[in-house]
Amino acid sequence: MDTASTSAIISAAAGISGVLLGNSFVAIKEWLVGRSKRGKDAAYLAILVVSHLERFANGCLHVALDDGTEEGRPAGRNGEEYEPTTRPPEFQPLDIQVDWKALPNELMYEILRLPDQREQIQNRLGGIAEFDDDYPEHTDYFWARRRDYAELGLRASDLAKRLHRYAGMTVNTPKPGEWSRDEGLREVIVRIDGERAEAERRLAARQVPATLS
């Protein structure tokens, strides 16, 4: 191979290498820009959606603490019947102007499911109320309402924490001795489970036939 041919091959190779290297730099730059934008989108989404989730969890706590009384007396019918004093909170994620595709599929799905889970609770409560003959306490209704919303509030709170972590944000946790919404929700669940278990124990005791002498 003569010198001219060799020089041509070297020049061509250098040109191709330069093009490939240039394209690589462009691709890397675009990837970094895209990554930065995705990070900013995720952070913006987290800040906005977390605030909605926190408000929703707070609303769930209010319902979970609602035992149908007001100032120590039944809240309905001139103080004679137990009646809800709180409205169930609403969470409408699709009304929030964010790019939901910035989230992992599983996290996005669980957040978008919250309104359906709230609706399922309301439907269940409607069924309990329709056949409720426990006047004036409506014990089963309030047990179900309070416990279901306590669980829903914990679910919303957990999603807010996961969203914080996904966006690289600090998760604020109460210090020892400080009031904790999530602990309050868990206490409602434990209390209601205990009351139900005690009620079932008393019912079972009444149904045991007397021992024949």
Protein backbone atom coordinates (compact mmCIF):
# COMPACT_ATOMS: atom_id res chain seq x y z
CA MET A 1 0.00 0.00 0.00
CA ASP A 2 1.47 3.35 -1.00
CA THR A 3 1.83 6.37 1.22
CA ALA A 4 -1.07 8.24 -0.38
CA SER A 5 -3.48 5.37 0.22
CA THR A 6 -2.36 5.02 3.80
CA SER A 7 -2.80 8.74 4.42
CA ALA A 8 -6.30 8.61 2.91
CA ILE A 9 -7.30 5.71 5.14
CA ILE A 10 -5.94 7.45 8.21
CA SER A 11 -7.75 10.67 7.29
CA ALA A 12 -11.02 8.81 6.73
CA ALA A 13 -10.69 6.93 9.98
CA ALA A 14 -9.94 10.12 11.83
CA GLY A 15 -12.96 11.79 10.25
CA ILE A 16 -15.25 8.90 11.20
CA SER A 17 -13.86 8.83 14.72
CA GLY A 18 -14.43 12.56 15.02
CA VAL A 19 -18.06 12.21 13.90
CA LEU A 20 -18.67 9.31 16.28
CA LEU A 21 -17.01 11.16 19.15
CA GLY A 22 -19.01 14.29 18.39
CA ASN A 23 -22.26 12.32 18.30
CA SER A 24 -21.34 10.67 21.60
CA PHE A 25 -20.78 14.04 23.22
CA VAL A 26 -24.16 15.24 21.93
CA ALA A 27 -25.90 12.09 23.17
CA ILE A 28 -24.28 12.38 26.60
CA LYS A 29 -25.21 16.05 26.81
CA GLU A 30 -28.83 15.32 25.87
CA TRP A 31 -28.97 12.49 28.40
CA LEU A 32 -27.64 14.73 31.15
CA VAL A 33 -30.08 17.50 30.24
CA GLY A 34 -32.95 15.00 30.16
CA ARG A 35 -31.88 13.54 33.47
CA SER A 36 -31.73 16.98 35.04
CA LYS A 37 -35.19 17.81 33.71
CA ARG A 38 -36.62 14.52 34.98
CA GLY A 39 -35.11 15.22 38.38
CA LYS A 40 -36.64 18.70 38.47
CA ASP A 41 -40.01 17.35 37.30
CA ALA A 42 -39.94 14.69 40.00
CA ALA A 43 -39.01 17.23 42.68
CA TYR A 44 -41.78 19.60 41.59
CA LEU A 45 -44.29 16.75 41.49
CA ALA A 46 -43.21 15.55 44.93
CA ILE A 47 -43.52 18.98 46.54
CA LEU A 48 -46.98 19.56 45.07
CA VAL A 49 -48.45 16.09 45.49
CA VAL A 50 -47.03 15.56 48.98
CA SER A 51 -48.90 18.65 50.18
CA HIS A 52 -52.16 17.19 48.83
CA LEU A 53 -51.45 13.79 50.37
CA GLU A 54 -50.67 15.36 53.75
CA ARG A 55 -53.92 17.32 53.73
CA PHE A 56 -55.79 14.16 52.77
CA ALA A 57 -54.16 12.19 55.59
CA ASN A 58 -55.06 14.98 58.04
CA GLY A 59 -58.67 14.79 56.86
CA CYS A 60 -58.64 11.03 57.36
CA LEU A 61 -57.47 11.59 60.95
CA HIS A 62 -60.41 13.92 61.62
CA VAL A 63 -62.82 11.23 60.41
CA ALA A 64 -60.98 8.53 62.36
CA LEU A 65 -61.44 10.55 65.56
CA ASP A 66 -65.12 11.28 64.87
CA ASP A 67 -67.14 9.07 67.23
CA GLY A 68 -70.46 10.77 66.49
CA THR A 69 -70.37 13.02 69.54
CA GLU A 70 -70.03 16.74 70.02
CA GLU A 71 -68.93 18.22 73.34
CA GLY A 72 -69.38 14.81 74.93
CA ARG A 73 -72.97 14.33 73.73
CA PRO A 74 -74.45 12.58 70.67
CA ALA A 75 -74.17 15.04 67.80
CA GLY A 76 -77.54 14.39 66.14
CA ARG A 77 -81.26 14.86 66.89
CA ASN A 78 -80.99 17.23 69.81
CA GLY A 79 -78.27 15.21 71.48
CA GLU A 80 -80.10 11.89 71.20
CA GLU A 81 -78.43 10.11 68.26
CA TYR A 82 -74.81 9.59 67.31
CA GLU A 83 -74.08 11.31 64.02
CA PRO A 84 -70.89 12.12 62.03
CA THR A 85 -69.52 15.61 62.62
CA THR A 86 -66.87 15.48 59.87
CA ARG A 87 -66.95 15.20 56.11
CA PRO A 88 -64.69 12.61 54.45
CA PRO A 89 -61.68 14.29 52.81
CA GLU A 90 -61.29 14.27 49.05
CA PHE A 91 -58.18 13.66 46.97
CA GLN A 92 -58.35 14.33 43.24
CA PRO A 93 -54.86 13.62 41.88
CA LEU A 94 -55.79 14.09 38.22
CA ASP A 95 -56.70 17.71 38.99
CA ILE A 96 -53.08 18.34 40.03
CA GLN A 97 -51.13 19.76 37.09
CA VAL A 98 -48.04 17.57 37.14
CA ASP A 99 -46.40 15.04 34.83
CA TRP A 100 -47.40 11.78 36.49
CA LYS A 101 -45.18 9.86 34.06
CA ALA A 102 -42.20 11.20 36.00
CA LEU A 103 -42.98 8.63 38.70
CA PRO A 104 -42.29 4.89 38.74
CA ASN A 105 -45.38 2.98 37.60
CA GLU A 106 -46.05 1.32 40.96
CA LEU A 107 -45.87 4.54 42.96
CA MET A 108 -47.99 6.41 40.42
CA TYR A 109 -50.60 3.64 40.43
CA GLU A 110 -50.90 3.55 44.21
CA ILE A 111 -51.35 7.32 44.44
CA LEU A 112 -53.95 7.41 41.67
CA ARG A 113 -55.87 4.57 43.39
CA LEU A 114 -56.59 6.56 46.55
CA PRO A 115 -59.85 8.11 45.25
CA ASP A 116 -61.13 4.62 44.34
CA GLN A 117 -60.25 3.34 47.80
CA ARG A 118 -62.12 6.25 49.37
CA GLU A 119 -65.15 5.49 47.21
CA GLN A 120 -65.04 1.83 48.26
CA ILE A 121 -65.14 2.93 51.91
CA GLN A 122 -68.12 5.19 51.25
CA ASN A 123 -69.96 2.40 49.44
CA ARG A 124 -69.30 0.02 52.32
CA LEU A 125 -70.52 2.56 54.85
CA GLY A 126 -73.64 3.12 52.79
CA GLY A 127 -74.38 -0.60 52.98
CA ILE A 128 -73.85 -0.67 56.75
CA ALA A 129 -76.07 2.38 57.26
CA GLU A 130 -78.85 0.89 55.15
CA PHE A 131 -79.24 -2.15 57.40
CA ASP A 132 -78.19 -0.53 60.67
CA ASP A 133 -80.70 -1.01 63.50
CA ASP A 134 -78.32 -0.02 66.30
CA TYR A 135 -80.11 3.18 67.33
CA PRO A 136 -78.91 5.56 68.65
CA GLU A 137 -75.20 4.54 68.87
CA HIS A 138 -74.73 3.06 65.35
CA THR A 139 -71.67 1.30 66.75
CA ASP A 140 -70.78 -0.87 63.75
CA TYR A 141 -71.08 2.11 61.41
CA PHE A 142 -68.71 4.26 63.45
CA TRP A 143 -66.28 1.41 64.00
CA ALA A 144 -66.07 0.79 60.24
CA ARG A 145 -65.94 4.49 59.35
CA ARG A 146 -63.24 5.37 61.84
CA ARG A 147 -61.07 2.31 61.24
CA ASP A 148 -61.28 2.42 57.43
CA TYR A 149 -60.32 6.09 57.32
CA ALA A 150 -57.50 5.50 59.80
CA GLU A 151 -56.09 2.87 57.44
CA LEU A 152 -56.59 5.14 54.43
CA GLY A 153 -54.83 7.99 56.22
CA LEU A 154 -51.85 5.77 57.00
CA ARG A 155 -51.74 4.67 53.36
CA ALA A 156 -51.71 8.30 52.17
CA SER A 157 -49.02 9.18 54.71
CA ASP A 158 -46.85 6.27 53.59
CA LEU A 159 -47.19 7.36 49.95
CA ALA A 160 -46.14 10.89 50.90
CA LYS A 161 -43.00 9.49 52.56
CA ARG A 162 -42.20 7.30 49.56
CA LEU A 163 -42.65 10.29 47.27
CA HIS A 164 -40.29 12.32 49.45
CA ARG A 165 -37.64 9.61 49.25
CA TYR A 166 -38.05 9.12 45.51
CA ALA A 167 -37.42 12.82 44.90
CA GLY A 168 -34.42 12.81 47.27
CA MET A 169 -36.19 15.02 49.81
CA THR A 170 -35.86 14.74 53.57
CA VAL A 171 -38.69 12.94 55.34
CA ASN A 172 -39.66 14.81 58.48
CA THR A 173 -40.35 12.48 61.40
CA PRO A 174 -41.66 13.57 64.80
CA LYS A 175 -39.16 13.59 67.62
CA PRO A 176 -39.75 11.38 70.67
CA GLY A 177 -42.59 12.85 72.70
CA GLU A 178 -43.92 15.00 69.85
CA TRP A 179 -47.46 14.57 68.55
CA SER A 180 -47.63 12.19 65.58
CA ARG A 181 -50.58 12.02 63.22
CA ASP A 182 -49.64 8.53 62.10
CA GLU A 183 -49.40 7.32 65.68
CA GLY A 184 -52.84 8.79 66.32
CA LEU A 185 -54.22 6.87 63.34
CA ARG A 186 -52.63 3.64 64.55
CA GLU A 187 -54.05 4.18 68.04
CA VAL A 188 -57.56 4.46 66.56
CA ILE A 189 -57.14 1.09 64.82
CA VAL A 190 -55.84 -0.60 67.98
CA ARG A 191 -58.64 0.90 70.10
CA ILE A 192 -61.42 -0.13 67.72
CA ASP A 193 -60.00 -3.63 67.29
CA GLY A 194 -59.97 -3.94 71.08
CA GLU A 195 -63.55 -2.69 71.40
CA ARG A 196 -64.72 -5.11 68.70
CA ALA A 197 -62.96 -8.04 70.31
CA GLU A 198 -64.50 -7.20 73.69
CA ALA A 199 -67.98 -6.86 72.15
CA GLU A 200 -67.61 -10.23 70.41
CA ARG A 201 -66.44 -11.82 73.67
CA ARG A 202 -69.50 -10.52 75.53
CA LEU A 203 -71.81 -11.67 72.73
CA ALA A 204 -70.27 -15.13 72.70
CA ALA A 205 -70.63 -15.36 76.49
CA ARG A 206 -74.34 -14.56 76.27
CA GLN A 207 -74.86 -17.20 73.60
CA VAL A 208 -73.30 -20.05 75.59
CA PRO A 209 -76.19 -22.27 76.71
CA ALA A 210 -76.64 -22.66 80.42
CA THR A 211 -75.06 -25.80 81.84
CA LEU A 212 -77.68 -28.42 82.60
CA SER A 213 -77.77 -29.35 86.24
